[in-house]
ModelCIF file with pLDDT and N, C-alpha, C, O atoms, coordinates in Angstrom:
data_MODEL
#
_entry.id   MODEL 
#
_entity.id                         1 
_entity.type                       polymer 
_entity.pdbx_number_of_molecules   1 
#
_entity_poly.entity_id                      1 
_entity_poly.type                           'polypeptide(L)' 
_entity_poly.nstd_linkage                   no 
_entity_poly.nstd_monomer                   no 
_entity_poly.pdbx_seq_one_letter_code       
;(UNK)(UNK)(UNK)(UNK)(UNK)(UNK)(UNK)(UNK)(UNK)(UNK)(UNK)(UNK)(UNK)(UNK)(UNK)(UNK)
(UNK)(UNK)(UNK)(UNK)(UNK)(UNK)(UNK)(UNK)(UNK)(UNK)(UNK)(UNK)(UNK)(UNK)(UNK)(UNK)
(UNK)(UNK)
;
_entity_poly.pdbx_seq_one_letter_code_can   XXXXXXXXXXXXXXXXXXXXXXXXXXXXXXXXXX 
_entity_poly.pdbx_strand_id                 A 
#
loop_
_entity_poly_seq.entity_id 
_entity_poly_seq.num 
_entity_poly_seq.mon_id 
_entity_poly_seq.hetero 
1 1  UNK n 
1 2  UNK n 
1 3  UNK n 
1 4  UNK n 
1 5  UNK n 
1 6  UNK n 
1 7  UNK n 
1 8  UNK n 
1 9  UNK n 
1 10 UNK n 
1 11 UNK n 
1 12 UNK n 
1 13 UNK n 
1 14 UNK n 
1 15 UNK n 
1 16 UNK n 
1 17 UNK n 
1 18 UNK n 
1 19 UNK n 
1 20 UNK n 
1 21 UNK n 
1 22 UNK n 
1 23 UNK n 
1 24 UNK n 
1 25 UNK n 
1 26 UNK n 
1 27 UNK n 
1 28 UNK n 
1 29 UNK n 
1 30 UNK n 
1 31 UNK n 
1 32 UNK n 
1 33 UNK n 
1 34 UNK n 
#
_struct_asym.id          A 
_struct_asym.entity_id   1 
#
loop_
_ma_qa_metric.id 
_ma_qa_metric.mode 
_ma_qa_metric.name 
_ma_qa_metric.software_group_id 
_ma_qa_metric.type 
1 global pLDDT . pLDDT 
2 local  pLDDT . pLDDT 
#
_ma_qa_metric_global.metric_id      1 
_ma_qa_metric_global.metric_value   64.38 
_ma_qa_metric_global.model_id       1 
_ma_qa_metric_global.ordinal_id     1 
#
loop_
_ma_qa_metric_local.label_asym_id 
_ma_qa_metric_local.label_comp_id 
_ma_qa_metric_local.label_seq_id 
_ma_qa_metric_local.metric_id 
_ma_qa_metric_local.metric_value 
_ma_qa_metric_local.model_id 
_ma_qa_metric_local.ordinal_id 
A UNK 1  2 41.00 1 1  
A UNK 2  2 39.00 1 2  
A UNK 3  2 41.00 1 3  
A UNK 4  2 33.00 1 4  
A UNK 5  2 36.00 1 5  
A UNK 6  2 36.00 1 6  
A UNK 7  2 42.00 1 7  
A UNK 8  2 56.00 1 8  
A UNK 9  2 61.00 1 9  
A UNK 10 2 58.00 1 10 
A UNK 11 2 56.00 1 11 
A UNK 12 2 58.00 1 12 
A UNK 13 2 59.00 1 13 
A UNK 14 2 56.00 1 14 
A UNK 15 2 53.00 1 15 
A UNK 16 2 58.00 1 16 
A UNK 17 2 55.00 1 17 
A UNK 18 2 48.00 1 18 
A UNK 19 2 52.00 1 19 
A UNK 20 2 56.00 1 20 
A UNK 21 2 55.00 1 21 
A UNK 22 2 67.00 1 22 
A UNK 23 2 73.00 1 23 
A UNK 24 2 81.00 1 24 
A UNK 25 2 84.00 1 25 
A UNK 26 2 90.00 1 26 
A UNK 27 2 91.00 1 27 
A UNK 28 2 93.00 1 28 
A UNK 29 2 93.00 1 29 
A UNK 30 2 94.00 1 30 
A UNK 31 2 94.00 1 31 
A UNK 32 2 94.00 1 32 
A UNK 33 2 93.00 1 33 
A UNK 34 2 93.00 1 34 
#
loop_
_atom_site.group_PDB 
_atom_site.id 
_atom_site.type_symbol 
_atom_site.label_atom_id 
_atom_site.label_alt_id 
_atom_site.label_comp_id 
_atom_site.label_asym_id 
_atom_site.label_entity_id 
_atom_site.label_seq_id 
_atom_site.pdbx_PDB_ins_code 
_atom_site.Cartn_x 
_atom_site.Cartn_y 
_atom_site.Cartn_z 
_atom_site.occupancy 
_atom_site.B_iso_or_equiv 
_atom_site.pdbx_formal_charge 
_atom_site.auth_seq_id 
_atom_site.auth_comp_id 
_atom_site.auth_asym_id 
_atom_site.auth_atom_id 
_atom_site.pdbx_PDB_model_num 
ATOM 1   N N  . UNK A 1 1  ? -92.897 255.784 -99.065  1.00 41.00 ? 1  UNK A N  1 
ATOM 2   C CA . UNK A 1 1  ? -92.323 257.102 -99.608  1.00 41.00 ? 1  UNK A CA 1 
ATOM 3   C C  . UNK A 1 1  ? -91.602 256.658 -100.738 1.00 41.00 ? 1  UNK A C  1 
ATOM 4   O O  . UNK A 1 1  ? -90.539 257.239 -100.955 1.00 41.00 ? 1  UNK A O  1 
ATOM 5   N N  . UNK A 1 2  ? -91.925 255.817 -101.451 1.00 39.00 ? 2  UNK A N  1 
ATOM 6   C CA . UNK A 1 2  ? -91.396 255.781 -103.014 1.00 39.00 ? 2  UNK A CA 1 
ATOM 7   C C  . UNK A 1 2  ? -92.542 256.720 -103.783 1.00 39.00 ? 2  UNK A C  1 
ATOM 8   O O  . UNK A 1 2  ? -92.662 256.536 -104.995 1.00 39.00 ? 2  UNK A O  1 
ATOM 9   N N  . UNK A 1 3  ? -92.905 257.147 -103.507 1.00 41.00 ? 3  UNK A N  1 
ATOM 10  C CA . UNK A 1 3  ? -94.086 257.831 -104.251 1.00 41.00 ? 3  UNK A CA 1 
ATOM 11  C C  . UNK A 1 3  ? -93.445 259.258 -104.555 1.00 41.00 ? 3  UNK A C  1 
ATOM 12  O O  . UNK A 1 3  ? -92.606 259.662 -103.749 1.00 41.00 ? 3  UNK A O  1 
ATOM 13  N N  . UNK A 1 4  ? -93.754 260.019 -105.601 1.00 33.00 ? 4  UNK A N  1 
ATOM 14  C CA . UNK A 1 4  ? -92.639 260.893 -106.139 1.00 33.00 ? 4  UNK A CA 1 
ATOM 15  C C  . UNK A 1 4  ? -93.383 261.865 -105.151 1.00 33.00 ? 4  UNK A C  1 
ATOM 16  O O  . UNK A 1 4  ? -94.558 261.738 -104.806 1.00 33.00 ? 4  UNK A O  1 
ATOM 17  N N  . UNK A 1 5  ? -92.429 262.959 -104.708 1.00 36.00 ? 5  UNK A N  1 
ATOM 18  C CA . UNK A 1 5  ? -92.853 264.578 -104.430 1.00 36.00 ? 5  UNK A CA 1 
ATOM 19  C C  . UNK A 1 5  ? -92.224 264.310 -102.898 1.00 36.00 ? 5  UNK A C  1 
ATOM 20  O O  . UNK A 1 5  ? -92.387 263.170 -102.463 1.00 36.00 ? 5  UNK A O  1 
ATOM 21  N N  . UNK A 1 6  ? -91.522 265.265 -102.054 1.00 36.00 ? 6  UNK A N  1 
ATOM 22  C CA . UNK A 1 6  ? -91.487 265.108 -101.099 1.00 36.00 ? 6  UNK A CA 1 
ATOM 23  C C  . UNK A 1 6  ? -89.814 265.018 -100.809 1.00 36.00 ? 6  UNK A C  1 
ATOM 24  O O  . UNK A 1 6  ? -89.155 264.237 -101.494 1.00 36.00 ? 6  UNK A O  1 
ATOM 25  N N  . UNK A 1 7  ? -89.282 265.684 -99.970  1.00 42.00 ? 7  UNK A N  1 
ATOM 26  C CA . UNK A 1 7  ? -87.705 265.555 -100.276 1.00 42.00 ? 7  UNK A CA 1 
ATOM 27  C C  . UNK A 1 7  ? -86.851 265.937 -98.828  1.00 42.00 ? 7  UNK A C  1 
ATOM 28  O O  . UNK A 1 7  ? -85.803 266.573 -98.719  1.00 42.00 ? 7  UNK A O  1 
ATOM 29  N N  . UNK A 1 8  ? -87.842 265.202 -97.587  1.00 56.00 ? 8  UNK A N  1 
ATOM 30  C CA . UNK A 1 8  ? -87.700 265.532 -96.206  1.00 56.00 ? 8  UNK A CA 1 
ATOM 31  C C  . UNK A 1 8  ? -86.324 264.051 -96.052  1.00 56.00 ? 8  UNK A C  1 
ATOM 32  O O  . UNK A 1 8  ? -86.290 263.047 -96.763  1.00 56.00 ? 8  UNK A O  1 
ATOM 33  N N  . UNK A 1 9  ? -85.341 264.410 -94.895  1.00 61.00 ? 9  UNK A N  1 
ATOM 34  C CA . UNK A 1 9  ? -84.417 263.536 -94.533  1.00 61.00 ? 9  UNK A CA 1 
ATOM 35  C C  . UNK A 1 9  ? -85.051 262.573 -94.267  1.00 61.00 ? 9  UNK A C  1 
ATOM 36  O O  . UNK A 1 9  ? -84.349 261.624 -94.617  1.00 61.00 ? 9  UNK A O  1 
ATOM 37  N N  . UNK A 1 10 ? -86.307 262.074 -93.701  1.00 58.00 ? 10 UNK A N  1 
ATOM 38  C CA . UNK A 1 10 ? -87.166 261.134 -93.511  1.00 58.00 ? 10 UNK A CA 1 
ATOM 39  C C  . UNK A 1 10 ? -87.123 260.197 -95.046  1.00 58.00 ? 10 UNK A C  1 
ATOM 40  O O  . UNK A 1 10 ? -86.736 259.114 -95.486  1.00 58.00 ? 10 UNK A O  1 
ATOM 41  N N  . UNK A 1 11 ? -87.492 260.876 -95.274  1.00 56.00 ? 11 UNK A N  1 
ATOM 42  C CA . UNK A 1 11 ? -88.083 260.155 -97.251  1.00 56.00 ? 11 UNK A CA 1 
ATOM 43  C C  . UNK A 1 11 ? -86.863 259.351 -97.285  1.00 56.00 ? 11 UNK A C  1 
ATOM 44  O O  . UNK A 1 11 ? -86.784 258.172 -96.941  1.00 56.00 ? 11 UNK A O  1 
ATOM 45  N N  . UNK A 1 12 ? -85.725 260.238 -97.821  1.00 58.00 ? 12 UNK A N  1 
ATOM 46  C CA . UNK A 1 12 ? -84.522 260.035 -97.982  1.00 58.00 ? 12 UNK A CA 1 
ATOM 47  C C  . UNK A 1 12 ? -83.984 258.860 -97.623  1.00 58.00 ? 12 UNK A C  1 
ATOM 48  O O  . UNK A 1 12 ? -83.465 258.056 -98.397  1.00 58.00 ? 12 UNK A O  1 
ATOM 49  N N  . UNK A 1 13 ? -84.159 258.687 -95.854  1.00 59.00 ? 13 UNK A N  1 
ATOM 50  C CA . UNK A 1 13 ? -83.488 257.864 -95.207  1.00 59.00 ? 13 UNK A CA 1 
ATOM 51  C C  . UNK A 1 13 ? -84.588 256.860 -95.630  1.00 59.00 ? 13 UNK A C  1 
ATOM 52  O O  . UNK A 1 13 ? -83.931 255.855 -95.903  1.00 59.00 ? 13 UNK A O  1 
ATOM 53  N N  . UNK A 1 14 ? -85.761 256.596 -95.818  1.00 56.00 ? 14 UNK A N  1 
ATOM 54  C CA . UNK A 1 14 ? -86.675 255.605 -95.642  1.00 56.00 ? 14 UNK A CA 1 
ATOM 55  C C  . UNK A 1 14 ? -86.284 254.812 -97.157  1.00 56.00 ? 14 UNK A C  1 
ATOM 56  O O  . UNK A 1 14 ? -86.430 253.590 -97.128  1.00 56.00 ? 14 UNK A O  1 
ATOM 57  N N  . UNK A 1 15 ? -85.827 255.380 -98.399  1.00 53.00 ? 15 UNK A N  1 
ATOM 58  C CA . UNK A 1 15 ? -85.554 255.252 -99.362  1.00 53.00 ? 15 UNK A CA 1 
ATOM 59  C C  . UNK A 1 15 ? -84.001 254.400 -99.105  1.00 53.00 ? 15 UNK A C  1 
ATOM 60  O O  . UNK A 1 15 ? -83.933 253.207 -99.402  1.00 53.00 ? 15 UNK A O  1 
ATOM 61  N N  . UNK A 1 16 ? -83.157 254.914 -98.704  1.00 58.00 ? 16 UNK A N  1 
ATOM 62  C CA . UNK A 1 16 ? -81.693 254.236 -98.425  1.00 58.00 ? 16 UNK A CA 1 
ATOM 63  C C  . UNK A 1 16 ? -82.251 252.870 -98.032  1.00 58.00 ? 16 UNK A C  1 
ATOM 64  O O  . UNK A 1 16 ? -81.874 251.947 -98.755  1.00 58.00 ? 16 UNK A O  1 
ATOM 65  N N  . UNK A 1 17 ? -83.053 252.568 -97.057  1.00 55.00 ? 17 UNK A N  1 
ATOM 66  C CA . UNK A 1 17 ? -82.977 251.425 -96.023  1.00 55.00 ? 17 UNK A CA 1 
ATOM 67  C C  . UNK A 1 17 ? -83.621 250.265 -97.584  1.00 55.00 ? 17 UNK A C  1 
ATOM 68  O O  . UNK A 1 17 ? -82.967 249.309 -98.002  1.00 55.00 ? 17 UNK A O  1 
ATOM 69  N N  . UNK A 1 18 ? -84.841 250.663 -98.105  1.00 48.00 ? 18 UNK A N  1 
ATOM 70  C CA . UNK A 1 18 ? -85.232 250.200 -98.812  1.00 48.00 ? 18 UNK A CA 1 
ATOM 71  C C  . UNK A 1 18 ? -83.951 249.622 -99.784  1.00 48.00 ? 18 UNK A C  1 
ATOM 72  O O  . UNK A 1 18 ? -83.532 248.471 -99.663  1.00 48.00 ? 18 UNK A O  1 
ATOM 73  N N  . UNK A 1 19 ? -83.563 250.300 -100.466 1.00 52.00 ? 19 UNK A N  1 
ATOM 74  C CA . UNK A 1 19 ? -82.744 250.125 -101.565 1.00 52.00 ? 19 UNK A CA 1 
ATOM 75  C C  . UNK A 1 19 ? -81.628 249.207 -101.084 1.00 52.00 ? 19 UNK A C  1 
ATOM 76  O O  . UNK A 1 19 ? -81.656 248.147 -101.709 1.00 52.00 ? 19 UNK A O  1 
ATOM 77  N N  . UNK A 1 20 ? -80.447 249.279 -99.983  1.00 56.00 ? 20 UNK A N  1 
ATOM 78  C CA . UNK A 1 20 ? -80.163 248.609 -98.829  1.00 56.00 ? 20 UNK A CA 1 
ATOM 79  C C  . UNK A 1 20 ? -80.267 247.058 -98.462  1.00 56.00 ? 20 UNK A C  1 
ATOM 80  O O  . UNK A 1 20 ? -79.457 246.211 -98.086  1.00 56.00 ? 20 UNK A O  1 
ATOM 81  N N  . UNK A 1 21 ? -81.898 247.076 -98.796  1.00 55.00 ? 21 UNK A N  1 
ATOM 82  C CA . UNK A 1 21 ? -82.219 245.570 -98.291  1.00 55.00 ? 21 UNK A CA 1 
ATOM 83  C C  . UNK A 1 21 ? -82.062 245.579 -96.803  1.00 55.00 ? 21 UNK A C  1 
ATOM 84  O O  . UNK A 1 21 ? -82.517 244.576 -96.254  1.00 55.00 ? 21 UNK A O  1 
ATOM 85  N N  . UNK A 1 22 ? -81.448 246.604 -95.916  1.00 67.00 ? 22 UNK A N  1 
ATOM 86  C CA . UNK A 1 22 ? -81.126 246.429 -94.566  1.00 67.00 ? 22 UNK A CA 1 
ATOM 87  C C  . UNK A 1 22 ? -82.590 246.485 -94.180  1.00 67.00 ? 22 UNK A C  1 
ATOM 88  O O  . UNK A 1 22 ? -83.358 247.250 -94.763  1.00 67.00 ? 22 UNK A O  1 
ATOM 89  N N  . UNK A 1 23 ? -82.975 245.703 -93.227  1.00 73.00 ? 23 UNK A N  1 
ATOM 90  C CA . UNK A 1 23 ? -84.494 245.888 -92.540  1.00 73.00 ? 23 UNK A CA 1 
ATOM 91  C C  . UNK A 1 23 ? -84.516 247.050 -91.385  1.00 73.00 ? 23 UNK A C  1 
ATOM 92  O O  . UNK A 1 23 ? -85.499 247.740 -91.113  1.00 73.00 ? 23 UNK A O  1 
ATOM 93  N N  . UNK A 1 24 ? -83.189 247.125 -90.741  1.00 81.00 ? 24 UNK A N  1 
ATOM 94  C CA . UNK A 1 24 ? -83.538 248.400 -89.707  1.00 81.00 ? 24 UNK A CA 1 
ATOM 95  C C  . UNK A 1 24 ? -82.282 249.330 -89.510  1.00 81.00 ? 24 UNK A C  1 
ATOM 96  O O  . UNK A 1 24 ? -81.192 249.023 -89.027  1.00 81.00 ? 24 UNK A O  1 
ATOM 97  N N  . UNK A 1 25 ? -82.636 250.344 -89.922  1.00 84.00 ? 25 UNK A N  1 
ATOM 98  C CA . UNK A 1 25 ? -81.351 251.215 -89.591  1.00 84.00 ? 25 UNK A CA 1 
ATOM 99  C C  . UNK A 1 25 ? -81.639 252.127 -88.551  1.00 84.00 ? 25 UNK A C  1 
ATOM 100 O O  . UNK A 1 25 ? -82.784 252.556 -88.697  1.00 84.00 ? 25 UNK A O  1 
ATOM 101 N N  . UNK A 1 26 ? -81.079 252.595 -87.573  1.00 90.00 ? 26 UNK A N  1 
ATOM 102 C CA . UNK A 1 26 ? -80.991 253.169 -86.259  1.00 90.00 ? 26 UNK A CA 1 
ATOM 103 C C  . UNK A 1 26 ? -80.020 254.775 -86.400  1.00 90.00 ? 26 UNK A C  1 
ATOM 104 O O  . UNK A 1 26 ? -78.992 254.739 -87.076  1.00 90.00 ? 26 UNK A O  1 
ATOM 105 N N  . UNK A 1 27 ? -80.284 255.615 -85.974  1.00 91.00 ? 27 UNK A N  1 
ATOM 106 C CA . UNK A 1 27 ? -79.920 256.790 -86.239  1.00 91.00 ? 27 UNK A CA 1 
ATOM 107 C C  . UNK A 1 27 ? -79.621 257.248 -84.790  1.00 91.00 ? 27 UNK A C  1 
ATOM 108 O O  . UNK A 1 27 ? -80.641 257.547 -84.170  1.00 91.00 ? 27 UNK A O  1 
ATOM 109 N N  . UNK A 1 28 ? -78.381 257.381 -84.059  1.00 93.00 ? 28 UNK A N  1 
ATOM 110 C CA . UNK A 1 28 ? -78.360 257.711 -82.143  1.00 93.00 ? 28 UNK A CA 1 
ATOM 111 C C  . UNK A 1 28 ? -76.864 258.914 -82.531  1.00 93.00 ? 28 UNK A C  1 
ATOM 112 O O  . UNK A 1 28 ? -75.729 258.643 -82.922  1.00 93.00 ? 28 UNK A O  1 
ATOM 113 N N  . UNK A 1 29 ? -77.555 260.337 -82.190  1.00 93.00 ? 29 UNK A N  1 
ATOM 114 C CA . UNK A 1 29 ? -76.873 261.148 -82.049  1.00 93.00 ? 29 UNK A CA 1 
ATOM 115 C C  . UNK A 1 29 ? -77.500 262.265 -80.794  1.00 93.00 ? 29 UNK A C  1 
ATOM 116 O O  . UNK A 1 29 ? -78.667 262.485 -80.469  1.00 93.00 ? 29 UNK A O  1 
ATOM 117 N N  . UNK A 1 30 ? -76.168 262.861 -80.250  1.00 94.00 ? 30 UNK A N  1 
ATOM 118 C CA . UNK A 1 30 ? -74.986 262.879 -80.861  1.00 94.00 ? 30 UNK A CA 1 
ATOM 119 C C  . UNK A 1 30 ? -74.359 261.839 -79.669  1.00 94.00 ? 30 UNK A C  1 
ATOM 120 O O  . UNK A 1 30 ? -74.700 261.783 -78.488  1.00 94.00 ? 30 UNK A O  1 
ATOM 121 N N  . UNK A 1 31 ? -73.128 260.880 -80.514  1.00 94.00 ? 31 UNK A N  1 
ATOM 122 C CA . UNK A 1 31 ? -72.401 259.622 -79.993  1.00 94.00 ? 31 UNK A CA 1 
ATOM 123 C C  . UNK A 1 31 ? -70.890 259.885 -80.253  1.00 94.00 ? 31 UNK A C  1 
ATOM 124 O O  . UNK A 1 31 ? -70.573 259.820 -81.441  1.00 94.00 ? 31 UNK A O  1 
ATOM 125 N N  . UNK A 1 32 ? -70.031 260.131 -79.487  1.00 94.00 ? 32 UNK A N  1 
ATOM 126 C CA . UNK A 1 32 ? -70.524 259.934 -77.977  1.00 94.00 ? 32 UNK A CA 1 
ATOM 127 C C  . UNK A 1 32 ? -70.828 261.353 -77.514  1.00 94.00 ? 32 UNK A C  1 
ATOM 128 O O  . UNK A 1 32 ? -70.468 262.373 -78.101  1.00 94.00 ? 32 UNK A O  1 
ATOM 129 N N  . UNK A 1 33 ? -71.869 261.261 -75.861  1.00 93.00 ? 33 UNK A N  1 
ATOM 130 C CA . UNK A 1 33 ? -72.016 262.400 -75.355  1.00 93.00 ? 33 UNK A CA 1 
ATOM 131 C C  . UNK A 1 33 ? -72.107 262.438 -73.929  1.00 93.00 ? 33 UNK A C  1 
ATOM 132 O O  . UNK A 1 33 ? -71.964 261.464 -73.190  1.00 93.00 ? 33 UNK A O  1 
ATOM 133 N N  . UNK A 1 34 ? -72.397 263.824 -73.518  1.00 93.00 ? 34 UNK A N  1 
ATOM 134 C CA . UNK A 1 34 ? -72.385 264.083 -72.137  1.00 93.00 ? 34 UNK A CA 1 
ATOM 135 C C  . UNK A 1 34 ? -73.264 264.088 -71.320  1.00 93.00 ? 34 UNK A C  1 
ATOM 136 O O  . UNK A 1 34 ? -73.012 264.348 -70.143  1.00 93.00 ? 34 UNK A O  1 
#
């Protein structure tokens, strides 16, 4: 995901993971839910 090109949310999230140094990021939505 570090290569140029591409502006999807996953690429951005992946770059965020690498920059933060956090090995795992979990997205849960909606939370709360019915």
